[in-house]
Amino acid sequence: MADDSGSSRGGAGLLLASPLLLALVGLVGTGVGAVLQGFWNTRLEREKFEFSLIQKALDTADKNEAGRNLKFLVEAGLLSQFDARKIEALASTPDKLPSFLGAASVIPVQLAKRALESLGMYKGPINDENDEVFRKAVMDFQKSRNLPADGMLGAVTLRTLQDAAPNFFPGRP
């Protein structure tokens, strides 16, 4: 009988060292890792999307309008990754809302359009409208300079544009 139990232990040891079992364990581990990575990537993308909604809601000089925009986002259920109660509390006191206006509010859009036009990136009317054609030109400029291409004329994009077309930005800091 001792021989029988010893041989069954040897079979179990052989089974644990089986390449098929090791491959199966590796496959399951890879699958679990992929699912977890997918979950966290999806969550990160959702947070980025919601942050961009909040940023756009605040991208106005009128803080009352910004408060209304934030209330709409909360009431529409578009914010699930951020604390809706805190956002609603901020929205109810618009005078305390932070300003997140991009550089387009600091320099005239017309000036940025002229600079982009000189670089061959903007082909549209030269005015102060922050329109789709302008945002596309900013995005193309950002891509050409290996910047995050969000189409917004923020501080880094503005500095890069000033370096690329210095004649359009007299008295630049």
C-alpha atoms as a PDB file:
ATOM      1  CA  MET A   1       0.000   0.000   0.000  1.00  0.00           C
ATOM      2  CA  ALA A   2       2.842   2.316   0.643  1.00  0.00           C
ATOM      3  CA  ASP A   3       3.836   1.923  -2.963  1.00  0.00           C
ATOM      4  CA  ASP A   4       0.391   2.973  -4.139  1.00  0.00           C
ATOM      5  CA  SER A   5       0.371   6.203  -2.115  1.00  0.00           C
ATOM      6  CA  GLY A   6       3.879   7.049  -3.164  1.00  0.00           C
ATOM      7  CA  SER A   7       3.075   6.615  -6.808  1.00  0.00           C
ATOM      8  CA  SER A   8      -0.020   8.830  -6.521  1.00  0.00           C
ATOM      9  CA  ARG A   9       2.102  11.580  -4.975  1.00  0.00           C
ATOM     10  CA  GLY A  10       4.523  11.299  -7.837  1.00  0.00           C
ATOM     11  CA  GLY A  11       1.611  11.678 -10.275  1.00  0.00           C
ATOM     12  CA  ALA A  12       0.406  14.820  -8.466  1.00  0.00           C
ATOM     13  CA  GLY A  13       3.895  16.303  -8.600  1.00  0.00           C
ATOM     14  CA  LEU A  14       4.074  15.511 -12.281  1.00  0.00           C
ATOM     15  CA  LEU A  15       0.689  17.145 -12.831  1.00  0.00           C
ATOM     16  CA  LEU A  16       1.810  20.348 -11.035  1.00  0.00           C
ATOM     17  CA  ALA A  17       4.900  20.537 -13.231  1.00  0.00           C
ATOM     18  CA  SER A  18       2.915  19.898 -16.389  1.00  0.00           C
ATOM     19  CA  PRO A  19       3.558  22.464 -19.139  1.00  0.00           C
ATOM     20  CA  LEU A  20      -0.146  22.360 -19.964  1.00  0.00           C
ATOM     21  CA  LEU A  21      -1.105  23.354 -16.427  1.00  0.00           C
ATOM     22  CA  LEU A  22       1.546  26.078 -16.328  1.00  0.00           C
ATOM     23  CA  ALA A  23       0.292  27.445 -19.650  1.00  0.00           C
ATOM     24  CA  LEU A  24      -3.286  27.400 -18.349  1.00  0.00           C
ATOM     25  CA  VAL A  25      -2.306  29.285 -15.183  1.00  0.00           C
ATOM     26  CA  GLY A  26      -0.359  31.815 -17.271  1.00  0.00           C
ATOM     27  CA  LEU A  27      -3.310  32.275 -19.604  1.00  0.00           C
ATOM     28  CA  VAL A  28      -5.707  32.856 -16.712  1.00  0.00           C
ATOM     29  CA  GLY A  29      -3.270  35.323 -15.146  1.00  0.00           C
ATOM     30  CA  THR A  30      -2.913  37.200 -18.416  1.00  0.00           C
ATOM     31  CA  GLY A  31      -6.692  37.325 -18.822  1.00  0.00           C
ATOM     32  CA  VAL A  32      -7.192  38.687 -15.320  1.00  0.00           C
ATOM     33  CA  GLY A  33      -4.457  41.274 -15.900  1.00  0.00           C
ATOM     34  CA  ALA A  34      -6.049  42.375 -19.164  1.00  0.00           C
ATOM     35  CA  VAL A  35      -9.465  42.741 -17.531  1.00  0.00           C
ATOM     36  CA  LEU A  36      -8.030  44.800 -14.670  1.00  0.00           C
ATOM     37  CA  GLN A  37      -6.029  46.976 -17.054  1.00  0.00           C
ATOM     38  CA  GLY A  38      -9.123  47.510 -19.196  1.00  0.00           C
ATOM     39  CA  PHE A  39     -11.144  48.481 -16.126  1.00  0.00           C
ATOM     40  CA  TRP A  40      -8.596  51.049 -14.938  1.00  0.00           C
ATOM     41  CA  ASN A  41      -8.023  52.434 -18.445  1.00  0.00           C
ATOM     42  CA  THR A  42     -11.774  52.864 -18.899  1.00  0.00           C
ATOM     43  CA  ARG A  43     -12.043  54.584 -15.547  1.00  0.00           C
ATOM     44  CA  LEU A  44      -9.141  56.913 -16.372  1.00  0.00           C
ATOM     45  CA  GLU A  45     -10.674  57.817 -19.740  1.00  0.00           C
ATOM     46  CA  ARG A  46     -14.012  58.530 -18.035  1.00  0.00           C
ATOM     47  CA  GLU A  47     -12.287  60.796 -15.502  1.00  0.00           C
ATOM     48  CA  LYS A  48     -10.492  62.664 -18.295  1.00  0.00           C
ATOM     49  CA  PHE A  49     -13.780  63.069 -20.163  1.00  0.00           C
ATOM     50  CA  GLU A  50     -15.612  64.347 -17.088  1.00  0.00           C
ATOM     51  CA  PHE A  51     -12.762  66.721 -16.269  1.00  0.00           C
ATOM     52  CA  SER A  52     -12.947  68.148 -19.791  1.00  0.00           C
ATOM     53  CA  LEU A  53     -16.705  68.693 -19.293  1.00  0.00           C
ATOM     54  CA  ILE A  54     -16.029  70.537 -16.037  1.00  0.00           C
ATOM     55  CA  GLN A  55     -13.256  72.566 -17.656  1.00  0.00           C
ATOM     56  CA  LYS A  56     -15.540  73.578 -20.530  1.00  0.00           C
ATOM     57  CA  ALA A  57     -18.316  74.455 -18.078  1.00  0.00           C
ATOM     58  CA  LEU A  58     -15.922  76.825 -16.319  1.00  0.00           C
ATOM     59  CA  ASP A  59     -14.478  78.251 -19.556  1.00  0.00           C
ATOM     60  CA  THR A  60     -16.526  81.438 -19.445  1.00  0.00           C
ATOM     61  CA  ALA A  61     -15.966  84.889 -18.018  1.00  0.00           C
ATOM     62  CA  ASP A  62     -19.481  84.891 -16.486  1.00  0.00           C
ATOM     63  CA  LYS A  63     -19.288  82.939 -13.239  1.00  0.00           C
ATOM     64  CA  ASN A  64     -23.094  82.705 -13.014  1.00  0.00           C
ATOM     65  CA  GLU A  65     -23.107  80.968 -16.389  1.00  0.00           C
ATOM     66  CA  ALA A  66     -20.315  78.680 -15.191  1.00  0.00           C
ATOM     67  CA  GLY A  67     -22.439  77.794 -12.147  1.00  0.00           C
ATOM     68  CA  ARG A  68     -25.428  77.009 -14.385  1.00  0.00           C
ATOM     69  CA  ASN A  69     -23.204  74.877 -16.607  1.00  0.00           C
ATOM     70  CA  LEU A  70     -21.938  72.879 -13.634  1.00  0.00           C
ATOM     71  CA  LYS A  71     -25.473  72.402 -12.272  1.00  0.00           C
ATOM     72  CA  PHE A  72     -26.524  71.086 -15.670  1.00  0.00           C
ATOM     73  CA  LEU A  73     -23.681  68.541 -15.684  1.00  0.00           C
ATOM     74  CA  VAL A  74     -24.669  67.302 -12.225  1.00  0.00           C
ATOM     75  CA  GLU A  75     -28.420  67.239 -12.939  1.00  0.00           C
ATOM     76  CA  ALA A  76     -27.895  65.454 -16.265  1.00  0.00           C
ATOM     77  CA  GLY A  77     -25.901  62.756 -14.478  1.00  0.00           C
ATOM     78  CA  LEU A  78     -22.829  63.357 -16.643  1.00  0.00           C
ATOM     79  CA  LEU A  79     -20.453  63.344 -13.682  1.00  0.00           C
ATOM     80  CA  SER A  80     -19.983  59.984 -11.992  1.00  0.00           C
ATOM     81  CA  GLN A  81     -16.261  60.011 -11.201  1.00  0.00           C
ATOM     82  CA  PHE A  82     -16.353  63.269  -9.223  1.00  0.00           C
ATOM     83  CA  ASP A  83     -18.295  64.158  -6.073  1.00  0.00           C
ATOM     84  CA  ALA A  84     -21.505  65.647  -7.476  1.00  0.00           C
ATOM     85  CA  ARG A  85     -22.460  67.144  -4.087  1.00  0.00           C
ATOM     86  CA  LYS A  86     -19.247  69.154  -3.904  1.00  0.00           C
ATOM     87  CA  ILE A  87     -19.642  70.334  -7.493  1.00  0.00           C
ATOM     88  CA  GLU A  88     -23.252  71.314  -6.853  1.00  0.00           C
ATOM     89  CA  ALA A  89     -22.194  73.226  -3.724  1.00  0.00           C
ATOM     90  CA  LEU A  90     -19.576  75.096  -5.759  1.00  0.00           C
ATOM     91  CA  ALA A  91     -22.098  75.789  -8.502  1.00  0.00           C
ATOM     92  CA  SER A  92     -24.505  77.335  -6.002  1.00  0.00           C
ATOM     93  CA  THR A  93     -21.879  79.969  -5.097  1.00  0.00           C
ATOM     94  CA  PRO A  94     -20.652  81.121  -8.523  1.00  0.00           C
ATOM     95  CA  ASP A  95     -18.587  83.976  -7.082  1.00  0.00           C
ATOM     96  CA  LYS A  96     -16.321  81.358  -5.482  1.00  0.00           C
ATOM     97  CA  LEU A  97     -15.805  79.377  -8.692  1.00  0.00           C
ATOM     98  CA  PRO A  98     -12.238  79.291 -10.004  1.00  0.00           C
ATOM     99  CA  SER A  99     -11.501  80.749 -13.420  1.00  0.00           C
ATOM    100  CA  PHE A 100     -10.002  78.319 -15.917  1.00  0.00           C
ATOM    101  CA  LEU A 101     -10.034  80.500 -18.979  1.00  0.00           C
ATOM    102  CA  GLY A 102      -7.356  79.502 -21.452  1.00  0.00           C
ATOM    103  CA  ALA A 103      -4.801  81.821 -23.001  1.00  0.00           C
ATOM    104  CA  ALA A 104      -7.385  82.676 -25.663  1.00  0.00           C
ATOM    105  CA  SER A 105      -8.983  84.926 -23.052  1.00  0.00           C
ATOM    106  CA  VAL A 106      -5.654  86.648 -22.342  1.00  0.00           C
ATOM    107  CA  ILE A 107      -4.593  87.365 -25.929  1.00  0.00           C
ATOM    108  CA  PRO A 108      -6.984  88.148 -28.744  1.00  0.00           C
ATOM    109  CA  VAL A 109      -7.896  85.073 -30.768  1.00  0.00           C
ATOM    110  CA  GLN A 110      -7.347  87.267 -33.814  1.00  0.00           C
ATOM    111  CA  LEU A 111      -3.653  87.562 -32.926  1.00  0.00           C
ATOM    112  CA  ALA A 112      -3.314  83.793 -32.530  1.00  0.00           C
ATOM    113  CA  LYS A 113      -5.127  83.290 -35.861  1.00  0.00           C
ATOM    114  CA  ARG A 114      -2.676  85.619 -37.605  1.00  0.00           C
ATOM    115  CA  ALA A 115       0.294  83.772 -36.075  1.00  0.00           C
ATOM    116  CA  LEU A 116      -1.131  80.383 -37.089  1.00  0.00           C
ATOM    117  CA  GLU A 117      -1.874  81.735 -40.566  1.00  0.00           C
ATOM    118  CA  SER A 118       1.757  82.857 -40.937  1.00  0.00           C
ATOM    119  CA  LEU A 119       2.784  79.278 -40.139  1.00  0.00           C
ATOM    120  CA  GLY A 120       0.373  77.930 -42.764  1.00  0.00           C
ATOM    121  CA  MET A 121      -1.813  76.264 -40.146  1.00  0.00           C
ATOM    122  CA  TYR A 122      -4.911  78.492 -40.208  1.00  0.00           C
ATOM    123  CA  LYS A 123      -7.012  79.206 -43.268  1.00  0.00           C
ATOM    124  CA  GLY A 124     -10.115  81.038 -42.196  1.00  0.00           C
ATOM    125  CA  PRO A 125     -11.475  84.459 -41.294  1.00  0.00           C
ATOM    126  CA  ILE A 126      -9.255  86.602 -39.088  1.00  0.00           C
ATOM    127  CA  ASN A 127     -11.540  87.609 -36.218  1.00  0.00           C
ATOM    128  CA  ASP A 128     -11.893  87.025 -32.489  1.00  0.00           C
ATOM    129  CA  GLU A 129     -14.181  83.991 -32.822  1.00  0.00           C
ATOM    130  CA  ASN A 130     -12.927  80.895 -31.035  1.00  0.00           C
ATOM    131  CA  ASP A 131     -14.548  78.742 -33.719  1.00  0.00           C
ATOM    132  CA  GLU A 132     -14.078  75.172 -34.909  1.00  0.00           C
ATOM    133  CA  VAL A 133     -11.641  76.169 -37.697  1.00  0.00           C
ATOM    134  CA  PHE A 134      -9.458  77.959 -35.142  1.00  0.00           C
ATOM    135  CA  ARG A 135      -9.545  75.031 -32.689  1.00  0.00           C
ATOM    136  CA  LYS A 136      -8.603  72.651 -35.531  1.00  0.00           C
ATOM    137  CA  ALA A 137      -5.664  74.918 -36.441  1.00  0.00           C
ATOM    138  CA  VAL A 138      -4.539  74.990 -32.799  1.00  0.00           C
ATOM    139  CA  MET A 139      -4.827  71.200 -32.679  1.00  0.00           C
ATOM    140  CA  ASP A 140      -2.757  70.850 -35.873  1.00  0.00           C
ATOM    141  CA  PHE A 141      -0.153  73.222 -34.425  1.00  0.00           C
ATOM    142  CA  GLN A 142      -0.037  71.221 -31.190  1.00  0.00           C
ATOM    143  CA  LYS A 143       0.426  67.969 -33.105  1.00  0.00           C
ATOM    144  CA  SER A 144       3.236  69.508 -35.172  1.00  0.00           C
ATOM    145  CA  ARG A 145       5.038  70.453 -31.939  1.00  0.00           C
ATOM    146  CA  ASN A 146       4.371  67.132 -30.116  1.00  0.00           C
ATOM    147  CA  LEU A 147       2.042  68.796 -27.610  1.00  0.00           C
ATOM    148  CA  PRO A 148      -1.197  67.262 -26.322  1.00  0.00           C
ATOM    149  CA  ALA A 149      -3.632  68.062 -29.142  1.00  0.00           C
ATOM    150  CA  ASP A 150      -6.718  69.351 -27.337  1.00  0.00           C
ATOM    151  CA  GLY A 151      -7.351  72.371 -29.582  1.00  0.00           C
ATOM    152  CA  MET A 152      -7.159  74.755 -26.633  1.00  0.00           C
ATOM    153  CA  LEU A 153      -4.756  77.673 -26.559  1.00  0.00           C
ATOM    154  CA  GLY A 154      -3.374  77.063 -23.079  1.00  0.00           C
ATOM    155  CA  ALA A 155      -0.179  78.384 -21.533  1.00  0.00           C
ATOM    156  CA  VAL A 156       2.199  75.792 -23.033  1.00  0.00           C
ATOM    157  CA  THR A 157       0.657  76.050 -26.502  1.00  0.00           C
ATOM    158  CA  LEU A 158       0.757  79.848 -26.323  1.00  0.00           C
ATOM    159  CA  ARG A 159       4.446  79.868 -25.339  1.00  0.00           C
ATOM    160  CA  THR A 160       5.214  77.437 -28.171  1.00  0.00           C
ATOM    161  CA  LEU A 161       3.236  79.578 -30.635  1.00  0.00           C
ATOM    162  CA  GLN A 162       5.063  82.698 -29.428  1.00  0.00           C
ATOM    163  CA  ASP A 163       8.385  80.937 -30.029  1.00  0.00           C
ATOM    164  CA  ALA A 164       7.263  79.803 -33.494  1.00  0.00           C
ATOM    165  CA  ALA A 165       5.944  83.224 -34.579  1.00  0.00           C
ATOM    166  CA  PRO A 166       7.605  85.839 -32.337  1.00  0.00           C
ATOM    167  CA  ASN A 167       6.779  88.768 -34.646  1.00  0.00           C
ATOM    168  CA  PHE A 168       3.093  88.471 -33.742  1.00  0.00           C
ATOM    169  CA  PHE A 169       3.617  88.825 -29.999  1.00  0.00           C
ATOM    170  CA  PRO A 170       5.312  92.151 -29.239  1.00  0.00           C
ATOM    171  CA  GLY A 171       6.103  92.851 -25.611  1.00  0.00           C
ATOM    172  CA  ARG A 172       5.971  89.155 -24.826  1.00  0.00           C
ATOM    173  CA  PRO A 173       7.047  88.293 -21.277  1.00  0.00           C
END
